[in-house]
Amino acid sequence: MPMYQVRTEDEVLAEAELATDSKAMTWAVRMTTVHRKVLRGRRWQGHRLVGGVWEHRFGGGRRTAARGDAAAG
């Protein structure tokens, strides 16, 4: 069975072996919800096959702009 991961640039948040792509996508959405506090502000960068493991990657900087910044323009 294929192995799947939900990860950031430097950390694997979840890992599982799943039989089908549809189960893998459902699992990835659920794990994203479970780890939403860690992933907050990071963008989904897509998925890719690395050494037999499908990685669902999140990266980028966290959003730190204050609410008033958008109105100041």
C-alpha atoms as a PDB file:
ATOM      1  CA  MET A   1       0.000   0.000   0.000  1.00  0.00           C
ATOM      2  CA  PRO A   2       1.200   3.523  -0.704  1.00  0.00           C
ATOM      3  CA  MET A   3       2.446   5.674   2.186  1.00  0.00           C
ATOM      4  CA  TYR A   4       1.124   9.228   2.617  1.00  0.00           C
ATOM      5  CA  GLN A   5       2.373  12.150   4.737  1.00  0.00           C
ATOM      6  CA  VAL A   6       1.080  15.553   5.772  1.00  0.00           C
ATOM      7  CA  ARG A   7       4.110  17.734   6.438  1.00  0.00           C
ATOM      8  CA  THR A   8       5.625  21.179   6.697  1.00  0.00           C
ATOM      9  CA  GLU A   9       9.091  22.037   5.388  1.00  0.00           C
ATOM     10  CA  ASP A  10      10.774  20.509   8.428  1.00  0.00           C
ATOM     11  CA  GLU A  11       8.233  18.280  10.189  1.00  0.00           C
ATOM     12  CA  VAL A  12       6.062  15.247   9.406  1.00  0.00           C
ATOM     13  CA  LEU A  13       2.700  15.896  11.087  1.00  0.00           C
ATOM     14  CA  ALA A  14       0.963  12.646  10.107  1.00  0.00           C
ATOM     15  CA  GLU A  15       1.744   9.488   8.171  1.00  0.00           C
ATOM     16  CA  ALA A  16      -0.403   6.545   7.027  1.00  0.00           C
ATOM     17  CA  GLU A  17      -0.577   3.659   4.560  1.00  0.00           C
ATOM     18  CA  LEU A  18      -3.815   3.855   2.569  1.00  0.00           C
ATOM     19  CA  ALA A  19      -5.263   1.588  -0.110  1.00  0.00           C
ATOM     20  CA  THR A  20      -6.893   4.111  -2.468  1.00  0.00           C
ATOM     21  CA  ASP A  21      -6.433   7.693  -3.633  1.00  0.00           C
ATOM     22  CA  SER A  22      -9.913   8.654  -2.420  1.00  0.00           C
ATOM     23  CA  LYS A  23      -9.116   7.402   1.094  1.00  0.00           C
ATOM     24  CA  ALA A  24      -5.822   9.269   0.944  1.00  0.00           C
ATOM     25  CA  MET A  25      -7.473  12.575   0.041  1.00  0.00           C
ATOM     26  CA  THR A  26     -10.092  12.147   2.779  1.00  0.00           C
ATOM     27  CA  TRP A  27      -7.323  11.347   5.259  1.00  0.00           C
ATOM     28  CA  ALA A  28      -5.255  14.371   4.135  1.00  0.00           C
ATOM     29  CA  VAL A  29      -8.200  16.734   4.650  1.00  0.00           C
ATOM     30  CA  ARG A  30      -8.897  15.241   8.084  1.00  0.00           C
ATOM     31  CA  MET A  31      -5.228  15.509   9.138  1.00  0.00           C
ATOM     32  CA  THR A  32      -5.111  19.111   7.905  1.00  0.00           C
ATOM     33  CA  THR A  33      -8.075  19.838  10.180  1.00  0.00           C
ATOM     34  CA  VAL A  34      -6.485  18.011  13.123  1.00  0.00           C
ATOM     35  CA  HIS A  35      -3.209  19.949  12.705  1.00  0.00           C
ATOM     36  CA  ARG A  36      -4.759  23.300  11.743  1.00  0.00           C
ATOM     37  CA  LYS A  37      -3.060  25.186  14.605  1.00  0.00           C
ATOM     38  CA  VAL A  38       0.377  24.090  13.374  1.00  0.00           C
ATOM     39  CA  LEU A  39      -0.510  24.786   9.715  1.00  0.00           C
ATOM     40  CA  ARG A  40      -2.217  28.143  10.275  1.00  0.00           C
ATOM     41  CA  GLY A  41      -1.005  30.657   7.732  1.00  0.00           C
ATOM     42  CA  ARG A  42       0.890  28.107   5.647  1.00  0.00           C
ATOM     43  CA  ARG A  43      -0.214  27.394   2.104  1.00  0.00           C
ATOM     44  CA  TRP A  44      -0.750  23.971   0.614  1.00  0.00           C
ATOM     45  CA  GLN A  45       2.069  23.494  -1.898  1.00  0.00           C
ATOM     46  CA  GLY A  46       0.632  20.353  -3.466  1.00  0.00           C
ATOM     47  CA  HIS A  47       1.525  16.709  -3.293  1.00  0.00           C
ATOM     48  CA  ARG A  48       4.442  14.820  -4.768  1.00  0.00           C
ATOM     49  CA  LEU A  49       5.939  11.343  -4.742  1.00  0.00           C
ATOM     50  CA  VAL A  50       9.279  11.223  -2.926  1.00  0.00           C
ATOM     51  CA  GLY A  51      10.984   7.865  -2.470  1.00  0.00           C
ATOM     52  CA  GLY A  52       7.726   5.900  -2.503  1.00  0.00           C
ATOM     53  CA  VAL A  53       5.918   8.303  -0.134  1.00  0.00           C
ATOM     54  CA  TRP A  54       3.234  10.760  -1.261  1.00  0.00           C
ATOM     55  CA  GLU A  55       3.837  14.056   0.567  1.00  0.00           C
ATOM     56  CA  HIS A  56       1.077  16.621   1.052  1.00  0.00           C
ATOM     57  CA  ARG A  57       3.233  19.684   1.713  1.00  0.00           C
ATOM     58  CA  PHE A  58       2.473  22.958   3.437  1.00  0.00           C
ATOM     59  CA  GLY A  59       4.925  25.834   3.439  1.00  0.00           C
ATOM     60  CA  GLY A  60       5.496  29.522   3.287  1.00  0.00           C
ATOM     61  CA  GLY A  61       5.558  32.118   5.996  1.00  0.00           C
ATOM     62  CA  ARG A  62       2.844  32.584   8.515  1.00  0.00           C
ATOM     63  CA  ARG A  63       0.601  35.577   8.031  1.00  0.00           C
ATOM     64  CA  THR A  64       1.346  38.186  10.652  1.00  0.00           C
ATOM     65  CA  ALA A  65      -0.300  41.325   9.247  1.00  0.00           C
ATOM     66  CA  ALA A  66      -2.524  43.208  11.645  1.00  0.00           C
ATOM     67  CA  ARG A  67      -6.187  43.757  10.803  1.00  0.00           C
ATOM     68  CA  GLY A  68      -5.697  47.488  10.386  1.00  0.00           C
ATOM     69  CA  ASP A  69      -3.033  47.042   7.686  1.00  0.00           C
ATOM     70  CA  ALA A  70      -5.597  46.189   4.992  1.00  0.00           C
ATOM     71  CA  ALA A  71      -7.639  49.339   5.693  1.00  0.00           C
ATOM     72  CA  ALA A  72      -4.584  51.618   5.838  1.00  0.00           C
ATOM     73  CA  GLY A  73      -3.919  51.336   2.038  1.00  0.00           C
END
